[in-house]
Amino acid sequence: MQEEVLARGRAVWGDSGRDTLRAMNNLAGTIATQGDLAEARALLESAIEVLHREFGPHDPDTLTALANLAAVLWQFGERGEAYWLQSQLVETRRQAFGDDDAGTRAAIAVLEAMHRDGMP
């Protein structure tokens, strides 16, 4: 079903349309849940590249995709890279939205959980 949504999004909005990129992000989450972390990672990396180029590093959709990529990397066992990415996400969210933002607080909580699970 989500693959259909992505295909329709590409047909209507093109590969760089916001809704197309959101569909990619959602599909990556579903694929990760099904256990194909490599495919989820590839989808997220593609989406992030376009989101960053088209909407910038502080865009909420870019930040959501980065958070999802950090989670996939963590699950994939690439904890150092996941922790680094989550750290970058926290700093970017702080710059864009401040410490009182709900998304910033959530990103900090994830970083703290990663730290408790054995990261420096």
PDB file of N, CA and C in Angstrom:
ATOM      1  N   MET A   1       0.820  -1.200   0.000  1.00  0.00           N
ATOM      2  CA  MET A   1       0.000   0.000   0.000  1.00  0.00           C
ATOM      3  C   MET A   1       0.866   1.267   0.000  1.00  0.00           C
ATOM      4  N   GLN A   2       1.853   1.329   0.896  1.00  0.00           N
ATOM      5  CA  GLN A   2       2.715   2.515   0.948  1.00  0.00           C
ATOM      6  C   GLN A   2       3.557   2.648  -0.314  1.00  0.00           C
ATOM      7  N   GLU A   3       3.897   1.525  -0.911  1.00  0.00           N
ATOM      8  CA  GLU A   3       4.631   1.579  -2.173  1.00  0.00           C
ATOM      9  C   GLU A   3       3.786   2.233  -3.252  1.00  0.00           C
ATOM     10  N   GLU A   4       2.474   1.973  -3.210  1.00  0.00           N
ATOM     11  CA  GLU A   4       1.547   2.603  -4.145  1.00  0.00           C
ATOM     12  C   GLU A   4       1.482   4.105  -3.922  1.00  0.00           C
ATOM     13  N   VAL A   5       1.423   4.490  -2.655  1.00  0.00           N
ATOM     14  CA  VAL A   5       1.383   5.910  -2.310  1.00  0.00           C
ATOM     15  C   VAL A   5       2.645   6.602  -2.816  1.00  0.00           C
ATOM     16  N   LEU A   6       3.789   5.953  -2.632  1.00  0.00           N
ATOM     17  CA  LEU A   6       5.049   6.529  -3.100  1.00  0.00           C
ATOM     18  C   LEU A   6       5.044   6.666  -4.622  1.00  0.00           C
ATOM     19  N   ALA A   7       4.597   5.636  -5.308  1.00  0.00           N
ATOM     20  CA  ALA A   7       4.549   5.688  -6.772  1.00  0.00           C
ATOM     21  C   ALA A   7       3.615   6.801  -7.254  1.00  0.00           C
ATOM     22  N   ARG A   8       2.475   6.949  -6.615  1.00  0.00           N
ATOM     23  CA  ARG A   8       1.544   8.018  -6.994  1.00  0.00           C
ATOM     24  C   ARG A   8       2.131   9.385  -6.680  1.00  0.00           C
ATOM     25  N   GLY A   9       2.797   9.481  -5.544  1.00  0.00           N
ATOM     26  CA  GLY A   9       3.438  10.746  -5.186  1.00  0.00           C
ATOM     27  C   GLY A   9       4.464  11.160  -6.214  1.00  0.00           C
ATOM     28  N   ARG A  10       5.258  10.209  -6.649  1.00  0.00           N
ATOM     29  CA  ARG A  10       6.262  10.514  -7.675  1.00  0.00           C
ATOM     30  C   ARG A  10       5.595  10.964  -8.975  1.00  0.00           C
ATOM     31  N   ALA A  11       4.491  10.323  -9.312  1.00  0.00           N
ATOM     32  CA  ALA A  11       3.796  10.678 -10.553  1.00  0.00           C
ATOM     33  C   ALA A  11       3.187  12.076 -10.469  1.00  0.00           C
ATOM     34  N   VAL A  12       2.678  12.446  -9.303  1.00  0.00           N
ATOM     35  CA  VAL A  12       1.998  13.727  -9.150  1.00  0.00           C
ATOM     36  C   VAL A  12       2.969  14.855  -8.799  1.00  0.00           C
ATOM     37  N   TRP A  13       3.852  14.630  -7.814  1.00  0.00           N
ATOM     38  CA  TRP A  13       4.702  15.702  -7.296  1.00  0.00           C
ATOM     39  C   TRP A  13       6.161  15.591  -7.712  1.00  0.00           C
ATOM     40  N   GLY A  14       6.525  14.491  -8.354  1.00  0.00           N
ATOM     41  CA  GLY A  14       7.913  14.292  -8.744  1.00  0.00           C
ATOM     42  C   GLY A  14       8.740  13.729  -7.597  1.00  0.00           C
ATOM     43  N   ASP A  15       9.984  13.439  -7.890  1.00  0.00           N
ATOM     44  CA  ASP A  15      10.863  12.818  -6.894  1.00  0.00           C
ATOM     45  C   ASP A  15      11.227  13.744  -5.747  1.00  0.00           C
ATOM     46  N   SER A  16      11.113  15.051  -5.949  1.00  0.00           N
ATOM     47  CA  SER A  16      11.504  15.979  -4.894  1.00  0.00           C
ATOM     48  C   SER A  16      10.312  16.658  -4.224  1.00  0.00           C
ATOM     49  N   GLY A  17       9.108  16.178  -4.495  1.00  0.00           N
ATOM     50  CA  GLY A  17       7.923  16.732  -3.845  1.00  0.00           C
ATOM     51  C   GLY A  17       7.884  16.360  -2.375  1.00  0.00           C
ATOM     52  N   ARG A  18       7.457  17.289  -1.557  1.00  0.00           N
ATOM     53  CA  ARG A  18       7.420  17.046  -0.108  1.00  0.00           C
ATOM     54  C   ARG A  18       6.611  15.794   0.240  1.00  0.00           C
ATOM     55  N   ASP A  19       5.451  15.643  -0.367  1.00  0.00           N
ATOM     56  CA  ASP A  19       4.627  14.468  -0.056  1.00  0.00           C
ATOM     57  C   ASP A  19       5.272  13.174  -0.544  1.00  0.00           C
ATOM     58  N   THR A  20       5.989  13.238  -1.640  1.00  0.00           N
ATOM     59  CA  THR A  20       6.733  12.064  -2.111  1.00  0.00           C
ATOM     60  C   THR A  20       7.789  11.677  -1.090  1.00  0.00           C
ATOM     61  N   LEU A  21       8.502  12.663  -0.587  1.00  0.00           N
ATOM     62  CA  LEU A  21       9.560  12.396   0.391  1.00  0.00           C
ATOM     63  C   LEU A  21       9.001  11.909   1.718  1.00  0.00           C
ATOM     64  N   ARG A  22       7.855  12.414   2.109  1.00  0.00           N
ATOM     65  CA  ARG A  22       7.193  11.906   3.320  1.00  0.00           C
ATOM     66  C   ARG A  22       6.783  10.449   3.121  1.00  0.00           C
ATOM     67  N   ALA A  23       6.296  10.130   1.933  1.00  0.00           N
ATOM     68  CA  ALA A  23       5.924   8.747   1.633  1.00  0.00           C
ATOM     69  C   ALA A  23       7.153   7.834   1.693  1.00  0.00           C
ATOM     70  N   MET A  24       8.294   8.331   1.201  1.00  0.00           N
ATOM     71  CA  MET A  24       9.542   7.545   1.288  1.00  0.00           C
ATOM     72  C   MET A  24       9.914   7.293   2.743  1.00  0.00           C
ATOM     73  N   ASN A  25       9.794   8.321   3.556  1.00  0.00           N
ATOM     74  CA  ASN A  25      10.109   8.203   4.976  1.00  0.00           C
ATOM     75  C   ASN A  25       9.192   7.176   5.643  1.00  0.00           C
ATOM     76  N   ASN A  26       7.903   7.262   5.359  1.00  0.00           N
ATOM     77  CA  ASN A  26       6.943   6.317   5.933  1.00  0.00           C
ATOM     78  C   ASN A  26       7.213   4.886   5.467  1.00  0.00           C
ATOM     79  N   LEU A  27       7.489   4.728   4.183  1.00  0.00           N
ATOM     80  CA  LEU A  27       7.780   3.402   3.649  1.00  0.00           C
ATOM     81  C   LEU A  27       9.036   2.827   4.295  1.00  0.00           C
ATOM     82  N   ALA A  28      10.040   3.673   4.493  1.00  0.00           N
ATOM     83  CA  ALA A  28      11.271   3.216   5.146  1.00  0.00           C
ATOM     84  C   ALA A  28      10.980   2.698   6.548  1.00  0.00           C
ATOM     85  N   GLY A  29      10.094   3.379   7.264  1.00  0.00           N
ATOM     86  CA  GLY A  29       9.721   2.910   8.600  1.00  0.00           C
ATOM     87  C   GLY A  29       9.049   1.553   8.571  1.00  0.00           C
ATOM     88  N   THR A  30       8.171   1.362   7.618  1.00  0.00           N
ATOM     89  CA  THR A  30       7.494   0.071   7.481  1.00  0.00           C
ATOM     90  C   THR A  30       8.488  -1.026   7.123  1.00  0.00           C
ATOM     91  N   ILE A  31       9.369  -0.730   6.193  1.00  0.00           N
ATOM     92  CA  ILE A  31      10.369  -1.708   5.771  1.00  0.00           C
ATOM     93  C   ILE A  31      11.299  -2.064   6.927  1.00  0.00           C
ATOM     94  N   ALA A  32      11.673  -1.070   7.731  1.00  0.00           N
ATOM     95  CA  ALA A  32      12.530  -1.327   8.895  1.00  0.00           C
ATOM     96  C   ALA A  32      11.807  -2.241   9.883  1.00  0.00           C
ATOM     97  N   THR A  33      10.534  -1.985  10.103  1.00  0.00           N
ATOM     98  CA  THR A  33       9.741  -2.810  11.009  1.00  0.00           C
ATOM     99  C   THR A  33       9.674  -4.254  10.524  1.00  0.00           C
ATOM    100  N   GLN A  34       9.676  -4.426   9.217  1.00  0.00           N
ATOM    101  CA  GLN A  34       9.640  -5.767   8.633  1.00  0.00           C
ATOM    102  C   GLN A  34      11.011  -6.435   8.635  1.00  0.00           C
ATOM    103  N   GLY A  35      12.041  -5.691   9.049  1.00  0.00           N
ATOM    104  CA  GLY A  35      13.363  -6.272   9.206  1.00  0.00           C
ATOM    105  C   GLY A  35      14.366  -6.001   8.111  1.00  0.00           C
ATOM    106  N   ASP A  36      13.980  -5.305   7.060  1.00  0.00           N
ATOM    107  CA  ASP A  36      14.924  -5.013   5.979  1.00  0.00           C
ATOM    108  C   ASP A  36      15.580  -3.656   6.248  1.00  0.00           C
ATOM    109  N   LEU A  37      16.521  -3.663   7.185  1.00  0.00           N
ATOM    110  CA  LEU A  37      17.151  -2.420   7.613  1.00  0.00           C
ATOM    111  C   LEU A  37      18.010  -1.796   6.520  1.00  0.00           C
ATOM    112  N   ALA A  38      18.621  -2.611   5.691  1.00  0.00           N
ATOM    113  CA  ALA A  38      19.451  -2.073   4.607  1.00  0.00           C
ATOM    114  C   ALA A  38      18.602  -1.283   3.612  1.00  0.00           C
ATOM    115  N   GLU A  39      17.449  -1.802   3.248  1.00  0.00           N
ATOM    116  CA  GLU A  39      16.564  -1.091   2.321  1.00  0.00           C
ATOM    117  C   GLU A  39      15.994   0.168   2.975  1.00  0.00           C
ATOM    118  N   ALA A  40      15.635   0.066   4.251  1.00  0.00           N
ATOM    119  CA  ALA A  40      15.132   1.241   4.971  1.00  0.00           C
ATOM    120  C   ALA A  40      16.193   2.329   5.010  1.00  0.00           C
ATOM    121  N   ARG A  41      17.418   1.938   5.278  1.00  0.00           N
ATOM    122  CA  ARG A  41      18.519   2.901   5.315  1.00  0.00           C
ATOM    123  C   ARG A  41      18.691   3.582   3.959  1.00  0.00           C
ATOM    124  N   ALA A  42      18.680   2.801   2.894  1.00  0.00           N
ATOM    125  CA  ALA A  42      18.855   3.361   1.554  1.00  0.00           C
ATOM    126  C   ALA A  42      17.744   4.356   1.219  1.00  0.00           C
ATOM    127  N   LEU A  43      16.505   4.020   1.546  1.00  0.00           N
ATOM    128  CA  LEU A  43      15.387   4.928   1.285  1.00  0.00           C
ATOM    129  C   LEU A  43      15.546   6.223   2.076  1.00  0.00           C
ATOM    130  N   LEU A  44      15.891   6.087   3.355  1.00  0.00           N
ATOM    131  CA  LEU A  44      16.050   7.274   4.191  1.00  0.00           C
ATOM    132  C   LEU A  44      17.195   8.154   3.708  1.00  0.00           C
ATOM    133  N   GLU A  45      18.307   7.544   3.357  1.00  0.00           N
ATOM    134  CA  GLU A  45      19.441   8.337   2.866  1.00  0.00           C
ATOM    135  C   GLU A  45      19.078   9.088   1.586  1.00  0.00           C
ATOM    136  N   SER A  46      18.326   8.442   0.707  1.00  0.00           N
ATOM    137  CA  SER A  46      17.877   9.115  -0.522  1.00  0.00           C
ATOM    138  C   SER A  46      16.940  10.273  -0.196  1.00  0.00           C
ATOM    139  N   ALA A  47      15.999  10.024   0.697  1.00  0.00           N
ATOM    140  CA  ALA A  47      15.052  11.074   1.074  1.00  0.00           C
ATOM    141  C   ALA A  47      15.769  12.246   1.728  1.00  0.00           C
ATOM    142  N   ILE A  48      16.708  11.953   2.624  1.00  0.00           N
ATOM    143  CA  ILE A  48      17.437  13.018   3.329  1.00  0.00           C
ATOM    144  C   ILE A  48      18.236  13.872   2.356  1.00  0.00           C
ATOM    145  N   GLU A  49      18.861  13.244   1.397  1.00  0.00           N
ATOM    146  CA  GLU A  49      19.640  13.995   0.409  1.00  0.00           C
ATOM    147  C   GLU A  49      18.771  15.032  -0.296  1.00  0.00           C
ATOM    148  N   VAL A  50      17.590  14.596  -0.728  1.00  0.00           N
ATOM    149  CA  VAL A  50      16.695  15.505  -1.449  1.00  0.00           C
ATOM    150  C   VAL A  50      16.077  16.524  -0.495  1.00  0.00           C
ATOM    151  N   LEU A  51      15.644  16.082   0.673  1.00  0.00           N
ATOM    152  CA  LEU A  51      15.065  17.004   1.649  1.00  0.00           C
ATOM    153  C   LEU A  51      16.050  18.111   2.008  1.00  0.00           C
ATOM    154  N   HIS A  52      17.286  17.725   2.254  1.00  0.00           N
ATOM    155  CA  HIS A  52      18.309  18.706   2.617  1.00  0.00           C
ATOM    156  C   HIS A  52      18.517  19.714   1.481  1.00  0.00           C
ATOM    157  N   ARG A  53      18.596  19.214   0.274  1.00  0.00           N
ATOM    158  CA  ARG A  53      18.828  20.082  -0.890  1.00  0.00           C
ATOM    159  C   ARG A  53      17.625  20.994  -1.159  1.00  0.00           C
ATOM    160  N   GLU A  54      16.430  20.444  -1.090  1.00  0.00           N
ATOM    161  CA  GLU A  54      15.229  21.192  -1.475  1.00  0.00           C
ATOM    162  C   GLU A  54      14.662  22.066  -0.353  1.00  0.00           C
ATOM    163  N   PHE A  55      14.781  21.608   0.894  1.00  0.00           N
ATOM    164  CA  PHE A  55      14.098  22.300   1.992  1.00  0.00           C
ATOM    165  C   PHE A  55      15.035  22.757   3.111  1.00  0.00           C
ATOM    166  N   GLY A  56      16.269  22.272   3.090  1.00  0.00           N
ATOM    167  CA  GLY A  56      17.255  22.735   4.047  1.00  0.00           C
ATOM    168  C   GLY A  56      17.403  21.837   5.270  1.00  0.00           C
ATOM    169  N   PRO A  57      18.475  22.074   6.037  1.00  0.00           N
ATOM    170  CA  PRO A  57      18.788  21.215   7.176  1.00  0.00           C
ATOM    171  C   PRO A  57      17.877  21.405   8.380  1.00  0.00           C
ATOM    172  N   HIS A  58      17.173  22.530   8.464  1.00  0.00           N
ATOM    173  CA  HIS A  58      16.315  22.791   9.615  1.00  0.00           C
ATOM    174  C   HIS A  58      14.850  22.459   9.358  1.00  0.00           C
ATOM    175  N   ASP A  59      14.550  21.967   8.187  1.00  0.00           N
ATOM    176  CA  ASP A  59      13.177  21.626   7.832  1.00  0.00           C
ATOM    177  C   ASP A  59      12.678  20.466   8.689  1.00  0.00           C
ATOM    178  N   PRO A  60      11.460  20.553   9.199  1.00  0.00           N
ATOM    179  CA  PRO A  60      10.937  19.468  10.047  1.00  0.00           C
ATOM    180  C   PRO A  60      10.947  18.090   9.381  1.00  0.00           C
ATOM    181  N   ASP A  61      10.667  18.015   8.084  1.00  0.00           N
ATOM    182  CA  ASP A  61      10.698  16.718   7.407  1.00  0.00           C
ATOM    183  C   ASP A  61      12.123  16.186   7.291  1.00  0.00           C
ATOM    184  N   THR A  62      13.084  17.068   7.066  1.00  0.00           N
ATOM    185  CA  THR A  62      14.489  16.655   7.033  1.00  0.00           C
ATOM    186  C   THR A  62      14.890  16.098   8.388  1.00  0.00           C
ATOM    187  N   LEU A  63      14.505  16.792   9.449  1.00  0.00           N
ATOM    188  CA  LEU A  63      14.873  16.370  10.803  1.00  0.00           C
ATOM    189  C   LEU A  63      14.190  15.056  11.186  1.00  0.00           C
ATOM    190  N   THR A  64      12.962  14.876  10.764  1.00  0.00           N
ATOM    191  CA  THR A  64      12.262  13.612  11.039  1.00  0.00           C
ATOM    192  C   THR A  64      12.961  12.450  10.347  1.00  0.00           C
ATOM    193  N   ALA A  65      13.328  12.650   9.089  1.00  0.00           N
ATOM    194  CA  ALA A  65      14.029  11.590   8.358  1.00  0.00           C
ATOM    195  C   ALA A  65      15.385  11.289   8.991  1.00  0.00           C
ATOM    196  N   LEU A  66      16.088  12.315   9.463  1.00  0.00           N
ATOM    197  CA  LEU A  66      17.372  12.091  10.147  1.00  0.00           C
ATOM    198  C   LEU A  66      17.179  11.277  11.419  1.00  0.00           C
ATOM    199  N   ALA A  67      16.148  11.597  12.175  1.00  0.00           N
ATOM    200  CA  ALA A  67      15.863  10.840  13.402  1.00  0.00           C
ATOM    201  C   ALA A  67      15.567   9.379  13.070  1.00  0.00           C
ATOM    202  N   ASN A  68      14.801   9.175  12.011  1.00  0.00           N
ATOM    203  CA  ASN A  68      14.481   7.808  11.609  1.00  0.00           C
ATOM    204  C   ASN A  68      15.725   7.063  11.134  1.00  0.00           C
ATOM    205  N   LEU A  69      16.611   7.750  10.430  1.00  0.00           N
ATOM    206  CA  LEU A  69      17.857   7.113  10.000  1.00  0.00           C
ATOM    207  C   LEU A  69      18.713   6.745  11.202  1.00  0.00           C
ATOM    208  N   ALA A  70      18.797   7.616  12.189  1.00  0.00           N
ATOM    209  CA  ALA A  70      19.565   7.297  13.402  1.00  0.00           C
ATOM    210  C   ALA A  70      19.008   6.036  14.067  1.00  0.00           C
ATOM    211  N   ALA A  71      17.689   5.919  14.108  1.00  0.00           N
ATOM    212  CA  ALA A  71      17.068   4.730  14.711  1.00  0.00           C
ATOM    213  C   ALA A  71      17.385   3.470  13.916  1.00  0.00           C
ATOM    214  N   VAL A  72      17.328   3.574  12.606  1.00  0.00           N
ATOM    215  CA  VAL A  72      17.641   2.416  11.758  1.00  0.00           C
ATOM    216  C   VAL A  72      19.103   2.021  11.925  1.00  0.00           C
ATOM    217  N   LEU A  73      19.992   2.993  11.944  1.00  0.00           N
ATOM    218  CA  LEU A  73      21.415   2.696  12.143  1.00  0.00           C
ATOM    219  C   LEU A  73      21.634   2.005  13.482  1.00  0.00           C
ATOM    220  N   TRP A  74      20.951   2.455  14.502  1.00  0.00           N
ATOM    221  CA  TRP A  74      21.065   1.846  15.832  1.00  0.00           C
ATOM    222  C   TRP A  74      20.636   0.385  15.769  1.00  0.00           C
ATOM    223  N   GLN A  75      19.496   0.145  15.133  1.00  0.00           N
ATOM    224  CA  GLN A  75      18.995  -1.228  14.997  1.00  0.00           C
ATOM    225  C   GLN A  75      19.939  -2.079  14.152  1.00  0.00           C
ATOM    226  N   PHE A  76      20.554  -1.461  13.180  1.00  0.00           N
ATOM    227  CA  PHE A  76      21.463  -2.138  12.257  1.00  0.00           C
ATOM    228  C   PHE A  76      22.780  -2.508  12.943  1.00  0.00           C
ATOM    229  N   GLY A  77      23.000  -1.974  14.140  1.00  0.00           N
ATOM    230  CA  GLY A  77      24.218  -2.261  14.886  1.00  0.00           C
ATOM    231  C   GLY A  77      25.321  -1.246  14.656  1.00  0.00           C
ATOM    232  N   GLU A  78      25.025  -0.211  13.913  1.00  0.00           N
ATOM    233  CA  GLU A  78      26.009   0.843  13.661  1.00  0.00           C
ATOM    234  C   GLU A  78      25.800   1.951  14.691  1.00  0.00           C
ATOM    235  N   ARG A  79      26.074   1.584  15.938  1.00  0.00           N
ATOM    236  CA  ARG A  79      25.739   2.462  17.060  1.00  0.00           C
ATOM    237  C   ARG A  79      26.559   3.739  17.097  1.00  0.00           C
ATOM    238  N   GLY A  80      27.826   3.670  16.744  1.00  0.00           N
ATOM    239  CA  GLY A  80      28.648   4.873  16.731  1.00  0.00           C
ATOM    240  C   GLY A  80      28.107   5.901  15.751  1.00  0.00           C
ATOM    241  N   GLU A  81      27.778   5.445  14.553  1.00  0.00           N
ATOM    242  CA  GLU A  81      27.232   6.343  13.539  1.00  0.00           C
ATOM    243  C   GLU A  81      25.854   6.866  13.954  1.00  0.00           C
ATOM    244  N   ALA A  82      25.047   5.989  14.546  1.00  0.00           N
ATOM    245  CA  ALA A  82      23.715   6.392  15.005  1.00  0.00           C
ATOM    246  C   ALA A  82      23.816   7.452  16.093  1.00  0.00           C
ATOM    247  N   TYR A  83      24.734   7.248  17.029  1.00  0.00           N
ATOM    248  CA  TYR A  83      24.911   8.193  18.132  1.00  0.00           C
ATOM    249  C   TYR A  83      25.387   9.537  17.599  1.00  0.00           C
ATOM    250  N   TRP A  84      26.344   9.508  16.679  1.00  0.00           N
ATOM    251  CA  TRP A  84      26.842  10.752  16.082  1.00  0.00           C
ATOM    252  C   TRP A  84      25.715  11.493  15.372  1.00  0.00           C
ATOM    253  N   LEU A  85      24.925  10.762  14.579  1.00  0.00           N
ATOM    254  CA  LEU A  85      23.831  11.383  13.843  1.00  0.00           C
ATOM    255  C   LEU A  85      22.792  11.956  14.804  1.00  0.00           C
ATOM    256  N   GLN A  86      22.480  11.223  15.850  1.00  0.00           N
ATOM    257  CA  GLN A  86      21.510  11.711  16.829  1.00  0.00           C
ATOM    258  C   GLN A  86      22.045  12.958  17.530  1.00  0.00           C
ATOM    259  N   SER A  87      23.337  12.989  17.800  1.00  0.00           N
ATOM    260  CA  SER A  87      23.956  14.185  18.399  1.00  0.00           C
ATOM    261  C   SER A  87      23.822  15.381  17.478  1.00  0.00           C
ATOM    262  N   GLN A  88      24.070  15.158  16.189  1.00  0.00           N
ATOM    263  CA  GLN A  88      23.932  16.239  15.206  1.00  0.00           C
ATOM    264  C   GLN A  88      22.480  16.711  15.121  1.00  0.00           C
ATOM    265  N   LEU A  89      21.566  15.772  15.203  1.00  0.00           N
ATOM    266  CA  LEU A  89      20.147  16.099  15.167  1.00  0.00           C
ATOM    267  C   LEU A  89      19.772  16.985  16.351  1.00  0.00           C
ATOM    268  N   VAL A  90      20.247  16.629  17.534  1.00  0.00           N
ATOM    269  CA  VAL A  90      19.962  17.431  18.729  1.00  0.00           C
ATOM    270  C   VAL A  90      20.477  18.852  18.538  1.00  0.00           C
ATOM    271  N   GLU A  91      21.707  18.989  18.075  1.00  0.00           N
ATOM    272  CA  GLU A  91      22.280  20.321  17.892  1.00  0.00           C
ATOM    273  C   GLU A  91      21.523  21.125  16.840  1.00  0.00           C
ATOM    274  N   THR A  92      21.138  20.487  15.759  1.00  0.00           N
ATOM    275  CA  THR A  92      20.389  21.185  14.712  1.00  0.00           C
ATOM    276  C   THR A  92      19.029  21.622  15.230  1.00  0.00           C
ATOM    277  N   ARG A  93      18.357  20.740  15.961  1.00  0.00           N
ATOM    278  CA  ARG A  93      17.044  21.090  16.523  1.00  0.00           C
ATOM    279  C   ARG A  93      17.178  22.224  17.526  1.00  0.00           C
ATOM    280  N   ARG A  94      18.233  22.196  18.334  1.00  0.00           N
ATOM    281  CA  ARG A  94      18.438  23.283  19.300  1.00  0.00           C
ATOM    282  C   ARG A  94      18.605  24.616  18.584  1.00  0.00           C
ATOM    283  N   GLN A  95      19.392  24.620  17.511  1.00  0.00           N
ATOM    284  CA  GLN A  95      19.610  25.851  16.750  1.00  0.00           C
ATOM    285  C   GLN A  95      18.310  26.352  16.121  1.00  0.00           C
ATOM    286  N   ALA A  96      17.540  25.440  15.587  1.00  0.00           N
ATOM    287  CA  ALA A  96      16.341  25.822  14.842  1.00  0.00           C
ATOM    288  C   ALA A  96      15.151  26.126  15.742  1.00  0.00           C
ATOM    289  N   PHE A  97      14.989  25.355  16.818  1.00  0.00           N
ATOM    290  CA  PHE A  97      13.744  25.431  17.592  1.00  0.00           C
ATOM    291  C   PHE A  97      13.938  25.692  19.083  1.00  0.00           C
ATOM    292  N   GLY A  98      15.168  25.566  19.571  1.00  0.00           N
ATOM    293  CA  GLY A  98      15.425  25.784  20.989  1.00  0.00           C
ATOM    294  C   GLY A  98      15.203  24.536  21.829  1.00  0.00           C
ATOM    295  N   ASP A  99      15.619  24.631  23.082  1.00  0.00           N
ATOM    296  CA  ASP A  99      15.536  23.487  24.000  1.00  0.00           C
ATOM    297  C   ASP A  99      14.115  23.178  24.466  1.00  0.00           C
ATOM    298  N   ASP A 100      13.211  24.143  24.398  1.00  0.00           N
ATOM    299  CA  ASP A 100      11.857  23.931  24.894  1.00  0.00           C
ATOM    300  C   ASP A 100      10.935  23.261  23.874  1.00  0.00           C
ATOM    301  N   ASP A 101      11.404  23.102  22.653  1.00  0.00           N
ATOM    302  CA  ASP A 101      10.612  22.462  21.604  1.00  0.00           C
ATOM    303  C   ASP A 101      10.421  20.979  21.912  1.00  0.00           C
ATOM    304  N   ALA A 102       9.212  20.483  21.695  1.00  0.00           N
ATOM    305  CA  ALA A 102       8.903  19.073  21.975  1.00  0.00           C
ATOM    306  C   ALA A 102       9.786  18.128  21.162  1.00  0.00           C
ATOM    307  N   GLY A 103      10.027  18.465  19.900  1.00  0.00           N
ATOM    308  CA  GLY A 103      10.885  17.627  19.059  1.00  0.00           C
ATOM    309  C   GLY A 103      12.324  17.618  19.540  1.00  0.00           C
ATOM    310  N   THR A 104      12.800  18.761  20.016  1.00  0.00           N
ATOM    311  CA  THR A 104      14.155  18.834  20.566  1.00  0.00           C
ATOM    312  C   THR A 104      14.251  17.981  21.824  1.00  0.00           C
ATOM    313  N   ARG A 105      13.255  18.108  22.695  1.00  0.00           N
ATOM    314  CA  ARG A 105      13.265  17.305  23.926  1.00  0.00           C
ATOM    315  C   ARG A 105      13.224  15.810  23.614  1.00  0.00           C
ATOM    316  N   ALA A 106      12.450  15.433  22.607  1.00  0.00           N
ATOM    317  CA  ALA A 106      12.389  14.015  22.214  1.00  0.00           C
ATOM    318  C   ALA A 106      13.732  13.542  21.675  1.00  0.00           C
ATOM    319  N   ALA A 107      14.383  14.371  20.866  1.00  0.00           N
ATOM    320  CA  ALA A 107      15.699  14.009  20.312  1.00  0.00           C
ATOM    321  C   ALA A 107      16.735  13.869  21.423  1.00  0.00           C
ATOM    322  N   ILE A 108      16.673  14.752  22.422  1.00  0.00           N
ATOM    323  CA  ILE A 108      17.581  14.660  23.572  1.00  0.00           C
ATOM    324  C   ILE A 108      17.323  13.378  24.349  1.00  0.00           C
ATOM    325  N   ALA A 109      16.067  13.025  24.528  1.00  0.00           N
ATOM    326  CA  ALA A 109      15.718  11.796  25.258  1.00  0.00           C
ATOM    327  C   ALA A 109      16.263  10.562  24.539  1.00  0.00           C
ATOM    328  N   VAL A 110      16.183  10.549  23.230  1.00  0.00           N
ATOM    329  CA  VAL A 110      16.727   9.423  22.462  1.00  0.00           C
ATOM    330  C   VAL A 110      18.245   9.365  22.631  1.00  0.00           C
ATOM    331  N   LEU A 111      18.898  10.522  22.555  1.00  0.00           N
ATOM    332  CA  LEU A 111      20.350  10.571  22.733  1.00  0.00           C
ATOM    333  C   LEU A 111      20.741  10.068  24.123  1.00  0.00           C
ATOM    334  N   GLU A 112      19.996  10.463  25.128  1.00  0.00           N
ATOM    335  CA  GLU A 112      20.262   9.986  26.493  1.00  0.00           C
ATOM    336  C   GLU A 112      20.063   8.476  26.598  1.00  0.00           C
ATOM    337  N   ALA A 113      19.042   7.952  25.933  1.00  0.00           N
ATOM    338  CA  ALA A 113      18.813   6.503  25.939  1.00  0.00           C
ATOM    339  C   ALA A 113      19.965   5.774  25.255  1.00  0.00           C
ATOM    340  N   MET A 114      20.456   6.325  24.166  1.00  0.00           N
ATOM    341  CA  MET A 114      21.615   5.735  23.486  1.00  0.00           C
ATOM    342  C   MET A 114      22.820   5.731  24.421  1.00  0.00           C
ATOM    343  N   HIS A 115      22.987   6.816  25.141  1.00  0.00           N
ATOM    344  CA  HIS A 115      24.109   6.929  26.069  1.00  0.00           C
ATOM    345  C   HIS A 115      23.995   5.860  27.169  1.00  0.00           C
ATOM    346  N   ARG A 116      22.798   5.675  27.696  1.00  0.00           N
ATOM    347  CA  ARG A 116      22.576   4.650  28.742  1.00  0.00           C
ATOM    348  C   ARG A 116      22.846   3.246  28.201  1.00  0.00           C
ATOM    349  N   ASP A 117      22.605   3.056  26.908  1.00  0.00           N
ATOM    350  CA  ASP A 117      22.813   1.745  26.296  1.00  0.00           C
ATOM    351  C   ASP A 117      24.262   1.491  25.913  1.00  0.00           C
ATOM    352  N   GLY A 118      25.168   2.367  26.365  1.00  0.00           N
ATOM    353  CA  GLY A 118      26.579   2.060  26.204  1.00  0.00           C
ATOM    354  C   GLY A 118      27.373   2.968  25.301  1.00  0.00           C
ATOM    355  N   MET A 119      26.805   4.052  24.827  1.00  0.00           N
ATOM    356  CA  MET A 119      27.584   4.976  24.023  1.00  0.00           C
ATOM    357  C   MET A 119      28.279   5.974  24.943  1.00  0.00           C
ATOM    358  N   PRO A 120      29.348   6.612  24.474  1.00  0.00           N
ATOM    359  CA  PRO A 120      30.130   7.515  25.325  1.00  0.00           C
ATOM    360  C   PRO A 120      29.350   8.711  25.817  1.00  0.00           C
TER     361      PRO A 120
END
